[in-house]
Amino acid sequence: APATGRWYQENLGFRLVKEGQMGKGLHFALLR
């Protein structure tokens, strides 16, 4: 998720809103 989030930020201009852990080892990134 962090690497894919960076790709969308660098190439398509999304910005990171929130990133973190949730539940059973799930990692998330929310971009806009």
All heavy atoms as atom14 arrays in JSON, in Angstrom:
{
  "sequence": "APATGRWYQENLGFRLVKEGQMGKGLHFALLR",
  "atom14_mask": [
    [1, 1, 1, 1, 1, 0, 0, 0, 0, 0, 0, 0, 0, 0],
    [1, 1, 1, 1, 1, 1, 1, 0, 0, 0, 0, 0, 0, 0],
    [1, 1, 1, 1, 1, 0, 0, 0, 0, 0, 0, 0, 0, 0],
    [1, 1, 1, 1, 1, 1, 1, 0, 0, 0, 0, 0, 0, 0],
    [1, 1, 1, 1, 0, 0, 0, 0, 0, 0, 0, 0, 0, 0],
    [1, 1, 1, 1, 1, 1, 1, 1, 1, 1, 1, 0, 0, 0],
    [1, 1, 1, 1, 1, 1, 1, 1, 1, 1, 1, 1, 1, 1],
    [1, 1, 1, 1, 1, 1, 1, 1, 1, 1, 1, 1, 0, 0],
    [1, 1, 1, 1, 1, 1, 1, 1, 1, 0, 0, 0, 0, 0],
    [1, 1, 1, 1, 1, 1, 1, 1, 1, 0, 0, 0, 0, 0],
    [1, 1, 1, 1, 1, 1, 1, 1, 0, 0, 0, 0, 0, 0],
    [1, 1, 1, 1, 1, 1, 1, 1, 0, 0, 0, 0, 0, 0],
    [1, 1, 1, 1, 0, 0, 0, 0, 0, 0, 0, 0, 0, 0],
    [1, 1, 1, 1, 1, 1, 1, 1, 1, 1, 1, 0, 0, 0],
    [1, 1, 1, 1, 1, 1, 1, 1, 1, 1, 1, 0, 0, 0],
    [1, 1, 1, 1, 1, 1, 1, 1, 0, 0, 0, 0, 0, 0],
    [1, 1, 1, 1, 1, 1, 1, 0, 0, 0, 0, 0, 0, 0],
    [1, 1, 1, 1, 1, 1, 1, 1, 1, 0, 0, 0, 0, 0],
    [1, 1, 1, 1, 1, 1, 1, 1, 1, 0, 0, 0, 0, 0],
    [1, 1, 1, 1, 0, 0, 0, 0, 0, 0, 0, 0, 0, 0],
    [1, 1, 1, 1, 1, 1, 1, 1, 1, 0, 0, 0, 0, 0],
    [1, 1, 1, 1, 1, 1, 1, 1, 0, 0, 0, 0, 0, 0],
    [1, 1, 1, 1, 0, 0, 0, 0, 0, 0, 0, 0, 0, 0],
    [1, 1, 1, 1, 1, 1, 1, 1, 1, 0, 0, 0, 0, 0],
    [1, 1, 1, 1, 0, 0, 0, 0, 0, 0, 0, 0, 0, 0],
    [1, 1, 1, 1, 1, 1, 1, 1, 0, 0, 0, 0, 0, 0],
    [1, 1, 1, 1, 1, 1, 1, 1, 1, 1, 0, 0, 0, 0],
    [1, 1, 1, 1, 1, 1, 1, 1, 1, 1, 1, 0, 0, 0],
    [1, 1, 1, 1, 1, 0, 0, 0, 0, 0, 0, 0, 0, 0],
    [1, 1, 1, 1, 1, 1, 1, 1, 0, 0, 0, 0, 0, 0],
    [1, 1, 1, 1, 1, 1, 1, 1, 0, 0, 0, 0, 0, 0],
    [1, 1, 1, 1, 1, 1, 1, 1, 1, 1, 1, 0, 0, 0]
  ],
  "atom14_positions": [
    [[0.81, -1.22, 0.0], [0.0, 0.0, 0.0], [0.85, 1.27, 0.0], [0.55, 2.2, -0.76], [-0.98, 0.0, 1.17], [0.0, 0.0, 0.0], [0.0, 0.0, 0.0], [0.0, 0.0, 0.0], [0.0, 0.0, 0.0], [0.0, 0.0, 0.0], [0.0, 0.0, 0.0], [0.0, 0.0, 0.0], [0.0, 0.0, 0.0], [0.0, 0.0, 0.0]],
    [[1.91, 1.38, 0.81], [2.71, 2.62, 0.78], [3.35, 2.86, -0.6], [3.33, 3.99, -1.1], [3.77, 2.4, 1.87], [3.13, 1.43, 2.81], [2.33, 0.51, 1.93], [0.0, 0.0, 0.0], [0.0, 0.0, 0.0], [0.0, 0.0, 0.0], [0.0, 0.0, 0.0], [0.0, 0.0, 0.0], [0.0, 0.0, 0.0], [0.0, 0.0, 0.0]],
    [[3.92, 1.83, -1.2], [4.58, 2.0, -2.51], [3.55, 2.34, -3.59], [3.77, 3.23, -4.42], [5.34, 0.74, -2.89], [0.0, 0.0, 0.0], [0.0, 0.0, 0.0], [0.0, 0.0, 0.0], [0.0, 0.0, 0.0], [0.0, 0.0, 0.0], [0.0, 0.0, 0.0], [0.0, 0.0, 0.0], [0.0, 0.0, 0.0], [0.0, 0.0, 0.0]],
    [[2.41, 1.66, -3.58], [1.37, 1.95, -4.57], [0.82, 3.36, -4.35], [0.57, 4.09, -5.31], [0.25, 0.89, -4.51], [0.82, -0.4, -4.75], [-0.84, 1.16, -5.53], [0.0, 0.0, 0.0], [0.0, 0.0, 0.0], [0.0, 0.0, 0.0], [0.0, 0.0, 0.0], [0.0, 0.0, 0.0], [0.0, 0.0, 0.0], [0.0, 0.0, 0.0]],
    [[0.66, 3.75, -3.09], [0.21, 5.11, -2.79], [1.16, 6.15, -3.33], [0.74, 7.16, -3.91], [0.0, 0.0, 0.0], [0.0, 0.0, 0.0], [0.0, 0.0, 0.0], [0.0, 0.0, 0.0], [0.0, 0.0, 0.0], [0.0, 0.0, 0.0], [0.0, 0.0, 0.0], [0.0, 0.0, 0.0], [0.0, 0.0, 0.0], [0.0, 0.0, 0.0]],
    [[2.46, 5.92, -3.16], [3.46, 6.86, -3.7], [3.36, 6.94, -5.23], [3.46, 8.02, -5.81], [4.87, 6.44, -3.29], [5.22, 6.84, -1.87], [6.7, 6.64, -1.54], [7.15, 5.27, -1.72], [6.99, 4.3, -0.83], [6.38, 4.55, 0.31], [7.45, 3.08, -1.06], [0.0, 0.0, 0.0], [0.0, 0.0, 0.0], [0.0, 0.0, 0.0]],
    [[3.14, 5.79, -5.88], [3.03, 5.78, -7.34], [1.87, 6.68, -7.77], [2.01, 7.48, -8.68], [2.82, 4.35, -7.86], [2.87, 4.26, -9.35], [3.96, 3.99, -10.12], [1.78, 4.49, -10.27], [3.63, 4.02, -11.46], [2.29, 4.33, -11.57], [0.44, 4.81, -10.12], [1.51, 4.47, -12.72], [-0.34, 4.95, -11.25], [0.19, 4.79, -12.53]],
    [[0.72, 6.56, -7.13], [-0.45, 7.38, -7.48], [-0.22, 8.86, -7.15], [-0.71, 9.73, -7.85], [-1.72, 6.86, -6.8], [-2.36, 5.73, -7.57], [-1.99, 4.41, -7.34], [-3.31, 5.98, -8.55], [-2.56, 3.37, -8.05], [-3.88, 4.95, -9.27], [-3.49, 3.64, -9.02], [-4.05, 2.63, -9.75], [0.0, 0.0, 0.0], [0.0, 0.0, 0.0]],
    [[0.54, 9.14, -6.12], [0.87, 10.53, -5.79], [1.82, 11.13, -6.82], [1.59, 12.23, -7.33], [1.51, 10.6, -4.39], [0.52, 10.31, -3.27], [1.23, 10.23, -1.94], [1.61, 11.27, -1.39], [1.41, 9.02, -1.41], [0.0, 0.0, 0.0], [0.0, 0.0, 0.0], [0.0, 0.0, 0.0], [0.0, 0.0, 0.0], [0.0, 0.0, 0.0]],
    [[2.87, 10.41, -7.14], [3.89, 10.93, -8.05], [3.43, 11.01, -9.5], [3.81, 11.92, -10.22], [5.15, 10.05, -7.97], [5.84, 10.14, -6.63], [6.89, 9.04, -6.42], [7.13, 8.24, -7.36], [7.45, 8.98, -5.32], [0.0, 0.0, 0.0], [0.0, 0.0, 0.0], [0.0, 0.0, 0.0], [0.0, 0.0, 0.0], [0.0, 0.0, 0.0]],
    [[2.61, 10.06, -9.92], [2.24, 9.99, -11.33], [0.88, 10.55, -11.67], [0.68, 11.02, -12.79], [2.35, 8.54, -11.82], [3.78, 8.07, -11.83], [4.6, 8.58, -12.58], [4.1, 7.12, -10.96], [0.0, 0.0, 0.0], [0.0, 0.0, 0.0], [0.0, 0.0, 0.0], [0.0, 0.0, 0.0], [0.0, 0.0, 0.0], [0.0, 0.0, 0.0]],
    [[-0.06, 10.51, -10.74], [-1.41, 11.0, -11.04], [-1.83, 12.17, -10.16], [-2.92, 12.7, -10.31], [-2.43, 9.87, -10.93], [-2.22, 8.68, -11.86], [-3.37, 7.69, -11.74], [-2.05, 9.11, -13.31], [0.0, 0.0, 0.0], [0.0, 0.0, 0.0], [0.0, 0.0, 0.0], [0.0, 0.0, 0.0], [0.0, 0.0, 0.0], [0.0, 0.0, 0.0]],
    [[-0.98, 12.57, -9.22], [-1.26, 13.76, -8.43], [-2.19, 13.58, -7.26], [-2.65, 14.56, -6.66], [0.0, 0.0, 0.0], [0.0, 0.0, 0.0], [0.0, 0.0, 0.0], [0.0, 0.0, 0.0], [0.0, 0.0, 0.0], [0.0, 0.0, 0.0], [0.0, 0.0, 0.0], [0.0, 0.0, 0.0], [0.0, 0.0, 0.0], [0.0, 0.0, 0.0]],
    [[-2.51, 12.33, -6.88], [-3.31, 12.11, -5.67], [-2.49, 12.57, -4.47], [-1.26, 12.62, -4.52], [-3.64, 10.62, -5.51], [-4.81, 10.17, -6.33], [-4.66, 9.82, -7.66], [-6.07, 10.08, -5.77], [-5.73, 9.4, -8.42], [-7.17, 9.66, -6.52], [-6.99, 9.32, -7.84], [0.0, 0.0, 0.0], [0.0, 0.0, 0.0], [0.0, 0.0, 0.0]],
    [[-3.17, 12.93, -3.37], [-2.46, 13.27, -2.14], [-2.91, 12.3, -1.05], [-4.06, 11.86, -1.01], [-2.7, 14.72, -1.73], [-4.1, 15.04, -1.31], [-4.24, 16.48, -0.8], [-5.62, 16.8, -0.59], [-6.35, 16.39, 0.46], [-5.82, 15.66, 1.39], [-7.62, 16.74, 0.57], [0.0, 0.0, 0.0], [0.0, 0.0, 0.0], [0.0, 0.0, 0.0]],
    [[-1.97, 11.97, -0.18], [-2.25, 11.04, 0.91], [-3.11, 11.75, 1.95], [-2.76, 12.83, 2.42], [-0.94, 10.55, 1.54], [-1.08, 9.51, 2.63], [-1.68, 8.22, 2.08], [0.28, 9.25, 3.27], [0.0, 0.0, 0.0], [0.0, 0.0, 0.0], [0.0, 0.0, 0.0], [0.0, 0.0, 0.0], [0.0, 0.0, 0.0], [0.0, 0.0, 0.0]],
    [[-4.23, 11.14, 2.31], [-5.11, 11.68, 3.34], [-4.82, 10.98, 4.67], [-4.7, 11.62, 5.7], [-6.59, 11.48, 2.96], [-7.52, 11.88, 4.08], [-6.91, 12.24, 1.69], [0.0, 0.0, 0.0], [0.0, 0.0, 0.0], [0.0, 0.0, 0.0], [0.0, 0.0, 0.0], [0.0, 0.0, 0.0], [0.0, 0.0, 0.0], [0.0, 0.0, 0.0]],
    [[-4.69, 9.65, 4.61], [-4.48, 8.88, 5.83], [-3.86, 7.54, 5.45], [-4.16, 6.99, 4.4], [-5.82, 8.67, 6.54], [-5.72, 8.07, 7.92], [-7.09, 8.03, 8.59], [-6.96, 7.51, 10.0], [-8.25, 7.47, 10.68], [0.0, 0.0, 0.0], [0.0, 0.0, 0.0], [0.0, 0.0, 0.0], [0.0, 0.0, 0.0], [0.0, 0.0, 0.0]],
    [[-3.02, 7.05, 6.35], [-2.37, 5.77, 6.13], [-2.24, 5.08, 7.47], [-2.04, 5.75, 8.49], [-1.0, 6.01, 5.49], [-0.25, 4.78, 5.1], [1.04, 5.14, 4.38], [1.73, 6.1, 4.79], [1.37, 4.44, 3.43], [0.0, 0.0, 0.0], [0.0, 0.0, 0.0], [0.0, 0.0, 0.0], [0.0, 0.0, 0.0], [0.0, 0.0, 0.0]],
    [[-2.34, 3.76, 7.51], [-2.17, 3.08, 8.79], [-2.52, 1.62, 8.74], [-2.72, 1.03, 7.68], [0.0, 0.0, 0.0], [0.0, 0.0, 0.0], [0.0, 0.0, 0.0], [0.0, 0.0, 0.0], [0.0, 0.0, 0.0], [0.0, 0.0, 0.0], [0.0, 0.0, 0.0], [0.0, 0.0, 0.0], [0.0, 0.0, 0.0], [0.0, 0.0, 0.0]],
    [[-2.62, 1.05, 9.95], [-2.95, -0.37, 10.13], [-4.41, -0.47, 10.55], [-4.94, 0.41, 11.2], [-2.08, -0.97, 11.24], [-0.6, -0.99, 10.96], [-0.22, -2.02, 9.92], [0.36, -1.66, 8.93], [-0.56, -3.27, 10.12], [0.0, 0.0, 0.0], [0.0, 0.0, 0.0], [0.0, 0.0, 0.0], [0.0, 0.0, 0.0], [0.0, 0.0, 0.0]],
    [[-5.01, -1.6, 10.2], [-6.36, -1.88, 10.66], [-6.57, -3.38, 10.72], [-6.02, -4.13, 9.9], [-7.42, -1.22, 9.77], [-7.39, -1.63, 8.32], [-8.51, -0.65, 7.34], [-9.42, -1.94, 6.53], [0.0, 0.0, 0.0], [0.0, 0.0, 0.0], [0.0, 0.0, 0.0], [0.0, 0.0, 0.0], [0.0, 0.0, 0.0], [0.0, 0.0, 0.0]],
    [[-7.32, -3.8, 11.67], [-7.66, -5.21, 11.77], [-6.47, -6.15, 11.84], [-5.44, -5.83, 12.43], [0.0, 0.0, 0.0], [0.0, 0.0, 0.0], [0.0, 0.0, 0.0], [0.0, 0.0, 0.0], [0.0, 0.0, 0.0], [0.0, 0.0, 0.0], [0.0, 0.0, 0.0], [0.0, 0.0, 0.0], [0.0, 0.0, 0.0], [0.0, 0.0, 0.0]],
    [[-6.61, -7.3, 11.23], [-5.64, -8.38, 11.31], [-4.5, -8.2, 10.31], [-4.45, -8.87, 9.28], [-6.33, -9.71, 11.07], [-7.4, -10.02, 12.09], [-8.1, -11.31, 11.78], [-9.19, -11.55, 12.81], [-9.93, -12.76, 12.56], [0.0, 0.0, 0.0], [0.0, 0.0, 0.0], [0.0, 0.0, 0.0], [0.0, 0.0, 0.0], [0.0, 0.0, 0.0]],
    [[-3.61, -7.28, 10.59], [-2.45, -7.09, 9.74], [-2.71, -6.34, 8.44], [-1.85, -6.29, 7.57], [0.0, 0.0, 0.0], [0.0, 0.0, 0.0], [0.0, 0.0, 0.0], [0.0, 0.0, 0.0], [0.0, 0.0, 0.0], [0.0, 0.0, 0.0], [0.0, 0.0, 0.0], [0.0, 0.0, 0.0], [0.0, 0.0, 0.0], [0.0, 0.0, 0.0]],
    [[-3.9, -5.77, 8.3], [-4.21, -5.0, 7.09], [-3.57, -3.63, 7.18], [-3.62, -2.97, 8.21], [-5.72, -4.85, 6.91], [-6.54, -6.12, 6.7], [-8.02, -5.78, 6.58], [-6.08, -6.86, 5.47], [0.0, 0.0, 0.0], [0.0, 0.0, 0.0], [0.0, 0.0, 0.0], [0.0, 0.0, 0.0], [0.0, 0.0, 0.0], [0.0, 0.0, 0.0]],
    [[-2.97, -3.21, 6.09], [-2.41, -1.86, 5.99], [-3.27, -1.12, 4.96], [-3.7, -1.72, 3.97], [-0.95, -1.91, 5.52], [-0.28, -0.58, 5.58], [0.33, -0.11, 6.71], [-0.14, 0.39, 4.65], [0.82, 1.09, 6.48], [0.55, 1.43, 5.23], [0.0, 0.0, 0.0], [0.0, 0.0, 0.0], [0.0, 0.0, 0.0], [0.0, 0.0, 0.0]],
    [[-3.53, 0.15, 5.17], [-4.35, 0.89, 4.22], [-3.73, 2.24, 3.92], [-2.91, 2.76, 4.69], [-5.79, 1.09, 4.74], [-5.88, 2.13, 5.82], [-6.17, 3.46, 5.5], [-5.68, 1.8, 7.14], [-6.25, 4.43, 6.49], [-5.75, 2.77, 8.14], [-6.04, 4.09, 7.81], [0.0, 0.0, 0.0], [0.0, 0.0, 0.0], [0.0, 0.0, 0.0]],
    [[-4.1, 2.78, 2.8], [-3.75, 4.15, 2.43], [-4.98, 4.74, 1.77], [-5.61, 4.12, 0.91], [-2.56, 4.17, 1.47], [0.0, 0.0, 0.0], [0.0, 0.0, 0.0], [0.0, 0.0, 0.0], [0.0, 0.0, 0.0], [0.0, 0.0, 0.0], [0.0, 0.0, 0.0], [0.0, 0.0, 0.0], [0.0, 0.0, 0.0], [0.0, 0.0, 0.0]],
    [[-5.35, 5.93, 2.2], [-6.49, 6.64, 1.64], [-5.95, 7.89, 0.97], [-5.28, 8.71, 1.6], [-7.47, 7.01, 2.76], [-8.81, 7.6, 2.35], [-9.6, 6.61, 1.5], [-9.61, 7.98, 3.58], [0.0, 0.0, 0.0], [0.0, 0.0, 0.0], [0.0, 0.0, 0.0], [0.0, 0.0, 0.0], [0.0, 0.0, 0.0], [0.0, 0.0, 0.0]],
    [[-6.22, 8.01, -0.34], [-5.72, 9.14, -1.12], [-6.89, 9.87, -1.76], [-7.98, 9.32, -1.92], [-4.76, 8.64, -2.21], [-3.51, 7.96, -1.69], [-3.67, 6.46, -1.76], [-2.32, 8.4, -2.48], [0.0, 0.0, 0.0], [0.0, 0.0, 0.0], [0.0, 0.0, 0.0], [0.0, 0.0, 0.0], [0.0, 0.0, 0.0], [0.0, 0.0, 0.0]],
    [[-6.6, 11.11, -2.16], [-7.67, 11.91, -2.78], [-7.09, 12.84, -3.83], [-5.98, 13.35, -3.69], [-8.36, 12.74, -1.7], [-9.55, 13.5, -2.2], [-10.28, 14.14, -1.07], [-11.5, 14.73, -1.6], [-12.5, 15.1, -0.88], [-12.47, 14.97, 0.41], [-13.56, 15.64, -1.45], [0.0, 0.0, 0.0], [0.0, 0.0, 0.0], [0.0, 0.0, 0.0]]
  ]
}
